[in-house]
């Protein structure tokens, strides 16, 4: 497999309909919103969804959600210790951080894509504690809605007992929040210089590209019902060199999404303009 030797920029346009795309735990789990009223989805949440899609495709993932893990391990340390070659390094006083990082990148696609901080205390049989940082080539911005979002809040009650022997009551209250409609855009880049360090390949880039097209498949929950979040467009720019013909900022600015009315309610209520850049072609793909 060939290590990625050219720069890539990308952008994704997706919609949210009557769903909570990314609740803020410090604000009663309301959908994230900035001071201008625009909705936001954190880069961490987006990376989680990419990891899930790669995991569904059979890739080896280090940072797995507990509710969808495909092994018996309950922590990152346990998952690391389960790889015999890496576990040996933890017990070898002469082992270097570079060796550890190289093996971790070879083992897990999310490590060689997004990077990872390995910070473990000294355990039984370890030569010493571990503190290794890996910088990944794939960077992703926070997704931001094109127009201010309207958030609807509903009060809900619990109408069934958690334990037997207690009177049934519906006095346990809660709140549920959703975005009525929002069109979001996020941008990202893949850095070939960092790809060389982690071993991120051309094939890995295509796997990330495929994951972005189907970002919300197998992602349904009470807050995000099936079909409530949809990828509409993926823009994928492949440069002709490691430095690229244009800066990532200029490439990202070449895509402009605007609302055609004050209160947009569907994807058709937005206009998309893509300005050509000299010497750089873009692959425009529909979501799946």
Protein backbone atom coordinates (compact mmCIF):
# COMPACT_ATOMS: atom_id res chain seq x y z
CA UNK A 1 0.00 0.00 0.00
CA UNK A 2 1.23 3.48 -0.93
CA UNK A 3 1.51 6.16 1.73
CA UNK A 4 -0.57 9.22 0.82
CA UNK A 5 1.68 11.62 -1.10
CA UNK A 6 -0.73 14.43 -2.02
CA UNK A 7 -2.86 16.87 -0.08
CA UNK A 8 -6.64 16.39 0.20
CA UNK A 9 -9.33 18.85 1.24
CA UNK A 10 -13.00 18.00 1.69
CA UNK A 11 -16.36 19.44 2.70
CA UNK A 12 -19.64 17.79 3.70
CA UNK A 13 -23.14 19.27 3.61
CA UNK A 14 -25.74 17.49 5.75
CA UNK A 15 -29.22 18.23 7.07
CA UNK A 16 -30.93 17.68 10.41
CA UNK A 17 -34.72 17.29 10.57
CA UNK A 18 -36.44 17.03 13.95
CA UNK A 19 -33.38 15.58 15.65
CA UNK A 20 -30.67 16.49 18.14
CA UNK A 21 -27.42 16.15 16.19
CA UNK A 22 -25.08 16.83 19.12
CA UNK A 23 -26.38 17.63 22.60
CA UNK A 24 -24.44 19.89 24.95
CA UNK A 25 -24.14 18.18 28.38
CA UNK A 26 -23.44 21.55 30.03
CA UNK A 27 -26.71 22.97 28.70
CA UNK A 28 -29.28 20.31 29.53
CA UNK A 29 -28.33 18.33 26.39
CA UNK A 30 -29.81 21.00 24.13
CA UNK A 31 -28.45 20.98 20.57
CA UNK A 32 -25.21 22.93 20.43
CA UNK A 33 -25.62 26.53 19.31
CA UNK A 34 -23.22 29.47 19.11
CA UNK A 35 -23.91 33.07 20.12
CA UNK A 36 -25.12 33.91 16.60
CA UNK A 37 -27.85 31.27 16.86
CA UNK A 38 -26.12 28.91 14.43
CA UNK A 39 -26.18 25.20 15.24
CA UNK A 40 -22.93 23.32 15.79
CA UNK A 41 -21.76 19.70 15.80
CA UNK A 42 -18.36 19.21 17.41
CA UNK A 43 -15.42 17.73 15.54
CA UNK A 44 -15.25 15.03 18.23
CA UNK A 45 -18.82 13.92 17.45
CA UNK A 46 -18.05 13.83 13.72
CA UNK A 47 -14.91 11.73 14.27
CA UNK A 48 -16.97 9.35 16.41
CA UNK A 49 -19.35 8.79 13.49
CA UNK A 50 -16.46 8.25 11.07
CA UNK A 51 -14.94 5.71 13.46
CA UNK A 52 -18.30 3.92 13.66
CA UNK A 53 -18.61 3.75 9.89
CA UNK A 54 -15.05 2.40 9.55
CA UNK A 55 -15.77 -0.13 12.30
CA UNK A 56 -18.92 -1.26 10.44
CA UNK A 57 -16.74 -1.74 7.36
CA UNK A 58 -14.54 -4.19 9.27
CA UNK A 59 -11.65 -1.87 10.13
CA UNK A 60 -9.72 -2.20 13.38
CA UNK A 61 -10.68 0.69 15.70
CA UNK A 62 -8.95 1.58 18.98
CA UNK A 63 -11.43 4.16 20.35
CA UNK A 64 -14.70 2.22 20.30
CA UNK A 65 -17.99 3.22 21.94
CA UNK A 66 -18.93 0.90 24.78
CA UNK A 67 -22.42 0.45 23.36
CA UNK A 68 -21.13 -0.85 20.02
CA UNK A 69 -17.73 -2.40 20.71
CA UNK A 70 -16.92 -5.60 18.84
CA UNK A 71 -14.53 -7.09 21.39
CA UNK A 72 -14.51 -7.90 25.11
CA UNK A 73 -12.27 -5.01 26.14
CA UNK A 74 -13.65 -2.22 28.34
CA UNK A 75 -10.87 0.35 27.96
CA UNK A 76 -8.22 1.62 25.57
CA UNK A 77 -5.50 0.15 27.83
CA UNK A 78 -7.12 -3.29 27.69
CA UNK A 79 -7.34 -3.06 23.89
CA UNK A 80 -3.65 -2.10 23.71
CA UNK A 81 -2.60 -4.91 26.06
CA UNK A 82 -4.48 -7.42 23.89
CA UNK A 83 -2.02 -6.85 21.02
CA UNK A 84 0.93 -9.06 21.96
CA UNK A 85 3.60 -7.13 20.07
CA UNK A 86 2.55 -3.80 21.60
CA UNK A 87 2.15 -5.31 25.07
CA UNK A 88 5.77 -6.47 24.88
CA UNK A 89 6.92 -2.91 24.25
CA UNK A 90 5.24 -1.79 27.47
CA UNK A 91 7.49 -4.20 29.38
CA UNK A 92 10.66 -3.37 27.46
CA UNK A 93 12.77 -0.63 29.06
CA UNK A 94 14.71 -0.16 25.81
CA UNK A 95 11.61 0.32 23.66
CA UNK A 96 11.24 3.78 22.15
CA UNK A 97 8.12 5.91 21.83
CA UNK A 98 8.58 5.83 18.05
CA UNK A 99 8.35 2.03 18.05
CA UNK A 100 5.17 2.14 20.12
CA UNK A 101 3.59 4.78 17.87
CA UNK A 102 4.52 2.90 14.70
CA UNK A 103 2.93 -0.35 15.87
CA UNK A 104 -0.20 1.45 17.09
CA UNK A 105 -0.61 3.15 13.72
CA UNK A 106 -0.23 -0.16 11.92
CA UNK A 107 -2.82 -1.82 14.16
CA UNK A 108 -5.63 0.79 14.23
CA UNK A 109 -6.89 2.92 11.35
CA UNK A 110 -8.31 5.62 13.64
CA UNK A 111 -4.88 6.12 15.24
CA UNK A 112 -3.12 6.60 11.91
CA UNK A 113 -6.00 8.83 10.74
CA UNK A 114 -6.82 11.10 13.70
CA UNK A 115 -3.89 10.47 16.00
CA UNK A 116 -4.12 9.47 19.66
CA UNK A 117 -2.66 10.31 23.05
CA UNK A 118 -1.53 7.19 24.92
CA UNK A 119 -1.13 8.06 28.60
CA UNK A 120 -0.97 4.99 30.85
CA UNK A 121 0.20 4.69 34.43
CA UNK A 122 2.77 2.03 35.25
CA UNK A 123 0.99 -1.31 35.46
CA UNK A 124 1.91 -4.79 36.56
CA UNK A 125 5.00 -5.88 34.66
CA UNK A 126 5.41 -2.56 32.83
CA UNK A 127 8.87 -1.11 32.50
CA UNK A 128 7.44 2.34 33.20
CA UNK A 129 4.37 4.44 32.47
CA UNK A 130 3.52 5.29 28.88
CA UNK A 131 3.10 8.78 27.46
CA UNK A 132 3.05 8.79 23.67
CA UNK A 133 1.35 11.30 21.39
CA UNK A 134 0.54 10.57 17.76
CA UNK A 135 -0.49 13.41 15.43
CA UNK A 136 -2.87 12.21 12.73
CA UNK A 137 -3.13 13.61 9.19
CA UNK A 138 -6.96 13.88 9.11
CA UNK A 139 -8.26 17.12 10.64
CA UNK A 140 -11.93 18.08 10.83
CA UNK A 141 -13.60 21.40 11.68
CA UNK A 142 -16.71 21.83 13.79
CA UNK A 143 -19.86 21.63 11.64
CA UNK A 144 -21.88 24.86 11.60
CA UNK A 145 -25.38 25.45 10.30
CA UNK A 146 -25.85 27.83 7.37
CA UNK A 147 -28.78 29.63 9.05
CA UNK A 148 -29.81 30.09 12.69
CA UNK A 149 -31.61 27.02 14.01
CA UNK A 150 -34.92 26.79 15.87
CA UNK A 151 -34.83 24.45 18.88
CA UNK A 152 -38.05 22.81 20.06
CA UNK A 153 -38.17 21.51 23.63
CA UNK A 154 -40.67 18.94 24.86
CA UNK A 155 -41.38 17.93 28.42
CA UNK A 156 -41.56 14.17 28.88
CA UNK A 157 -42.63 12.01 31.81
CA UNK A 158 -41.79 8.55 33.02
CA UNK A 159 -44.89 6.35 33.28
CA UNK A 160 -43.44 2.99 34.30
CA UNK A 161 -41.70 1.86 37.48
CA UNK A 162 -38.02 1.01 37.40
CA UNK A 163 -38.49 -1.46 40.27
CA UNK A 164 -41.42 -3.55 41.47
CA UNK A 165 -43.25 -2.83 44.69
CA UNK A 166 -43.59 0.89 44.10
CA UNK A 167 -46.64 2.82 43.11
CA UNK A 168 -46.72 3.73 39.47
CA UNK A 169 -46.41 7.45 38.90
CA UNK A 170 -45.78 9.84 36.07
CA UNK A 171 -44.21 12.54 38.18
CA UNK A 172 -40.64 11.99 36.96
CA UNK A 173 -40.11 14.78 34.48
CA UNK A 174 -37.56 15.29 31.79
CA UNK A 175 -36.87 17.39 28.72
CA UNK A 176 -36.19 16.42 25.13
CA UNK A 177 -34.81 18.88 22.58
CA UNK A 178 -34.57 18.85 18.81
CA UNK A 179 -33.61 21.00 15.83
CA UNK A 180 -36.67 21.46 13.61
CA UNK A 181 -34.51 21.87 10.48
CA UNK A 182 -30.91 22.82 9.87
CA UNK A 183 -28.41 22.52 7.04
CA UNK A 184 -24.87 22.10 8.32
CA UNK A 185 -21.47 22.27 6.63
CA UNK A 186 -18.11 21.03 7.86
CA UNK A 187 -14.66 21.04 6.30
CA UNK A 188 -11.57 18.91 6.65
CA UNK A 189 -8.12 18.19 5.28
CA UNK A 190 -5.64 15.33 5.03
CA UNK A 191 -1.99 16.30 5.49
CA UNK A 192 0.50 14.14 3.53
CA UNK A 193 3.48 15.10 5.74
CA UNK A 194 1.72 13.67 8.79
CA UNK A 195 0.49 10.73 6.69
CA UNK A 196 4.13 9.76 6.17
CA UNK A 197 4.65 9.60 9.93
CA UNK A 198 1.58 7.48 10.69
CA UNK A 199 1.58 5.34 7.52
CA UNK A 200 -1.80 6.67 6.34
CA UNK A 201 -2.26 5.34 2.80
CA UNK A 202 -4.17 6.21 -0.37
CA UNK A 203 -6.46 3.30 0.46
CA UNK A 204 -7.12 4.75 3.92
CA UNK A 205 -8.11 8.06 2.30
CA UNK A 206 -10.67 6.26 0.13
CA UNK A 207 -12.08 4.55 3.23
CA UNK A 208 -12.50 7.92 4.94
CA UNK A 209 -14.12 9.27 1.77
CA UNK A 210 -16.60 6.40 1.75
CA UNK A 211 -17.34 6.89 5.46
CA UNK A 212 -18.12 10.58 4.88
CA UNK A 213 -20.67 9.70 2.19
CA UNK A 214 -22.56 7.42 4.57
CA UNK A 215 -21.85 9.28 7.81
CA UNK A 216 -25.22 8.70 9.49
CA UNK A 217 -25.91 5.10 8.50
CA UNK A 218 -26.41 2.80 11.48
CA UNK A 219 -26.42 5.89 13.75
CA UNK A 220 -30.09 6.05 14.79
CA UNK A 221 -31.08 6.77 18.38
CA UNK A 222 -33.96 8.32 20.32
CA UNK A 223 -32.42 11.74 19.72
CA UNK A 224 -31.64 11.00 16.05
CA UNK A 225 -34.39 8.84 14.52
CA UNK A 226 -33.65 6.91 11.34
CA UNK A 227 -33.60 9.28 8.37
CA UNK A 228 -33.49 12.47 10.42
CA UNK A 229 -29.88 13.20 9.48
CA UNK A 230 -28.77 13.02 5.86
CA UNK A 231 -25.57 13.70 3.93
CA UNK A 232 -26.48 15.65 0.80
CA UNK A 233 -23.10 16.44 -0.76
CA UNK A 234 -19.45 15.53 -0.35
CA UNK A 235 -16.81 17.73 -2.02
CA UNK A 236 -13.41 16.07 -2.36
CA UNK A 237 -10.39 18.03 -3.65
CA UNK A 238 -7.20 16.07 -4.48
CA UNK A 239 -4.16 18.29 -4.98
CA UNK A 240 -1.27 17.41 -7.28
CA UNK A 241 1.44 17.66 -4.64
CA UNK A 242 2.15 17.48 -0.92
CA UNK A 243 1.91 21.25 -0.48
CA UNK A 244 -1.11 21.57 -2.75
CA UNK A 245 -1.93 24.15 -5.40
CA UNK A 246 -3.92 26.27 -2.93
CA UNK A 247 -4.21 26.67 0.83
CA UNK A 248 -6.94 24.75 2.62
CA UNK A 249 -8.58 28.02 3.67
CA UNK A 250 -8.87 29.13 0.04
CA UNK A 251 -10.21 25.74 -1.04
CA UNK A 252 -12.83 25.73 1.70
CA UNK A 253 -13.89 29.28 0.82
CA UNK A 254 -14.52 28.21 -2.78
CA UNK A 255 -17.69 26.47 -1.54
CA UNK A 256 -20.47 28.85 -0.55
CA UNK A 257 -23.84 27.74 0.79
CA UNK A 258 -26.57 30.36 1.33
CA UNK A 259 -30.23 30.32 2.34
CA UNK A 260 -32.64 31.53 -0.34
CA UNK A 261 -35.32 32.50 2.23
CA UNK A 262 -35.44 33.72 5.82
CA UNK A 263 -36.73 30.48 7.32
CA UNK A 264 -35.47 27.57 5.20
CA UNK A 265 -37.28 24.29 5.78
CA UNK A 266 -35.62 21.96 3.28
CA UNK A 267 -32.45 21.40 1.27
CA UNK A 268 -34.10 23.03 -1.74
CA UNK A 269 -34.29 26.32 0.17
CA UNK A 270 -30.50 26.74 -0.11
CA UNK A 271 -28.20 27.68 -2.98
CA UNK A 272 -24.78 26.13 -3.43
CA UNK A 273 -22.01 27.90 -5.35
CA UNK A 274 -18.68 26.25 -6.11
CA UNK A 275 -15.98 28.54 -7.49
CA UNK A 276 -13.30 26.87 -9.67
CA UNK A 277 -9.67 27.04 -8.56
CA UNK A 278 -6.85 27.01 -11.07
CA UNK A 279 -5.26 23.60 -11.50
CA UNK A 280 -7.51 21.91 -8.95
CA UNK A 281 -10.44 19.62 -9.71
CA UNK A 282 -13.16 18.61 -7.28
CA UNK A 283 -15.11 15.37 -7.04
CA UNK A 284 -18.73 16.13 -6.10
CA UNK A 285 -20.59 13.15 -4.67
CA UNK A 286 -24.11 12.64 -3.33
CA UNK A 287 -24.61 11.16 0.11
CA UNK A 288 -25.80 7.58 0.46
